[in-house]
Every structure is written in C-alpha cells, then in structure tokens.
C-alpha cells in the first residue's frame, strides 16, 4: 500500500474517531473541559498523521499547537458567552498559523494576505476537504478486494444464516421472560434518539477530516483552495489614485477631529447649547459608530499600501497621517464610553467594544512601526496582539467587572446583572449584603433560580463549579433575603 493510501486511511479513521469523541464530549453539553480534551486529541491526531505522512513540521504547524491548547484551556476557566466567542476567534487565529504553507519561509514574514489566504484555505478544506478524501484518496479498490476475499464471503454467509435464527429464538426468549425482555429493550437503541447523535458525529467527523487534510497537505496544490491561487493576481494601482483617496480620508478625519476637540473635549455647556443633548447622551450617540470607523479604516490603509507600486513614500506618509488621526478618533471613542458608563453603566457589548478599540490602537501603532516603514512582520504582530488581548480579557473577567461597576451606581438593572454568566456570581454575592433591600431581594431571587442548574464532568468549568459552591454555601442566606427561610 502506498504512503498516500496509508495517510488517507489513517485520516479517515482519525476523523471517525474524532467525530464519535466529539459527540460524547459536546452533544447537548455547554463548552468547558470538553473543548480542551478535544483540542488535545486533535493535536495528537495531527501529530500522528504528520508522522504517517512524513510531512515536514514547519514553523506554522509548530506555532499553532501552543495557542490552540492555551485558548482551549480558557474554556475551563470562564463561562461568559462573549468571552467564549473571543476564545473561538483566537482558535481560528491559531489555525491560520498552521494553515500557512510555502507563501513565506516563516510566519513572521508572512503578510496579511498570506494569513487571510491560509485561513480561507483551511475553511474551504473544513467544509469540502472530506469530499476529496473520500472521492480521490481513500483506496476503495483495495478495500473492495479485501471484502471480496474468501474469508469475508464466509463471514457474510454465516451472518446471513445466523440472523433469522437469532431473531426467532430471541423473540421466544423475550416472550418467555419479562426481565430478559427489559434487558433487550434497554440494550437496543431507540432510533429516534440515535439519529441526532449520528448526525452530530458525522458532521464533526466530516469537518475534522477536511481540516486535518488541509493541515497535513505537504504542497499547496493538494488543498481544496490553494492559498497561492488567492494571491496569484495582485491588484496594482498608481500612487496618484491611492494618494487622492487617502488624502480625501485624511481631510475628513481631520475635520471630525477638529469637531471632537471642540465639543467632546470642550465641555458639556457647549454640547448642550449647540445640539441640545446632555453630555452623556452626546457620548452615547456615537460610540459604536466610532468603533466601526476604527475597524474599517485598518483594511483601507493595508489595502492602499498593498496595491501601490510607485511613489510608495507618498502613500506611506498619508497613511501615517491617517493613523495619527485615527488614534485621536479611538481616544474619542474611549472618552465617550467613559462618559456613557458614568451615566448608564457597563454592558458586555460596551466592554468588548472597548477592548476592540484598545487592541486596534496597538495594531495601528504596530502598523506604523512595520508596514509604513517598509518592514514586514505586521501580520504576525497583529495576530500576537490579538492573542494578548484575548488572554487579557480572560484574566480581567469582564462579567465580574461589569457586576462590580454597575453595583456601584445609584441605578442598577437587577435583571441584567442576574442574567450575566457564572463569572459574575462571586462579585454579586460579595456585594449582596451592602445593597438596598429591593435590589438585594431581586438579585437573591435570581441567584437562587440559577443554583438549580447543574453540569457534568465533561462540560466542567471552574467558573461554574465555583459559582455552584458559593451558591450552595449561601443558600440559607439567600432564602432568608427573599423571605423563604424557615
């Protein structure tokens, strides 16, 4: 059997195993310890397949394992849904490292286009890679020859003869003994319950097969969507067109910064006189729009510097000016959030949007230090900054920060705080005795309702376990607060 056939069979077997394991770990369960267990098995499977296929362990594949396992372990730490989403994005970033191929000798020298192409190739492989595996690579003819062998035929005839006999005598035994009937009934699976598990396992195994096939591909032409094909044609524009477009943006940003300097940084009296809004309402009105501006201007600057081929220094100077103005816009967004938070409190969306703005500020500074000075390594730096920002969110524990911040305000939305994840439970319980009576009763009632839910071993999570322990220890106090204690 050829090496490619061995790799294909090993990949198919590993995908089936990962699909079944994923069903056991994830079906009907929240994310927790199961994510780390699956990631460990995935990395082990990748290492096995690379060994079977004798594929080189290049830097991208080596660099992928550490963030993949670190951010999988983060699911064991916190319970916040938005933090879970941030960790999933970090996992996608780790996969983009492993999906790099021959675009550059090192991930540190790969550009944004190479990373984007690698992630797109991995995504295409996840959805369609199993088609190529099953249709072209698994040695079906060899398997068919084995199944048509003399021993296989004998086994098949034996099963055909034995099946009706087992059905006959089994039916008689079932009719004769109720205990045996219950045993057989419990042993035979209910198809209505089996199908969802089979579908889930098949879907996860399909995705695992496609992604692993892409990650172990020795050459780019073996992938479903070769990364090099996405970079083959590079758009090229003259400096004049790019400079005019960037110059128009610079003027627009400069005009906005001038307005911000006068109104947002100039005091509440001027705002109320000109736009008839309170200072907090003025800040609230534009925060998310400024976050969108910060997100959108980054790809514009990157694209402008990627497509220009002549008079590069002019484009870089305009880009640097735009970066400086964008940093002022980012500061304006943060100032708006500060004013907004003082009046209305924090929410998950506001806090995570702030995290994105802070991350983008560092990314813009890194852009000025690399791309705008003619140096590479911007992409890997932005990815590392993303990993650092996600790790910082895990350390900060956003839901606990929101609970502590909002409980310090005169007006508190008890329903919102009670709906936060288990990450917020310790902070809520700590502040509970010092709250005024109506708020204390509302929160105690919400915490008691939360204490009724339980979790298993596979979806264990430190935050959930700690919250359940605290709620159990203070159950009598909570009951007393809501007036149910005996």
Foldseek 3Di string as FASTA:
>chain_A
DDLLQVLLVLLLVLLLVLLLLCLVQPPPADAALLLLVSLVSLLVSLVVSCVSNVADCAQLNVQLSVLLNVLSNLRQADDFPVLVVLSVVLNLQSLLSLQQAVPDRHPLFDFPLRSVLSSVLLVVLLQCVVVCSVPPRHPVVVVVVVCPDPVNVVVVVVCVVVVVVCVVVVVVVVVVDVVSVVVVVVVDDDPVVVVVSVVSSVSSSSSSSSNSQSSSDNDQVSTPRRSVVSVVDAAADEPVVLLVVLVVVLVVLVVVLVVCCCDLVPDQVVVCVPVVDGSLVVLVVCLVVLLVVLVPVVVSLVSSLRHYDPPSLSSLVSSLSSLVSNLSSLVSSVSSLVSNCLPPADDPVSVVSNLSSVLSNVLSVLCNVASSVPHGSSVVVSSVSSSVSSVVCSVVLVLLVRLQSQQVDPDHDLVRNLPGDLSNQVSCVVCLVVHDQVSSLSNLVSLVVVLVDDRDDSNNHPSVVVNNVVCVVCVQVSCVSNPNHD
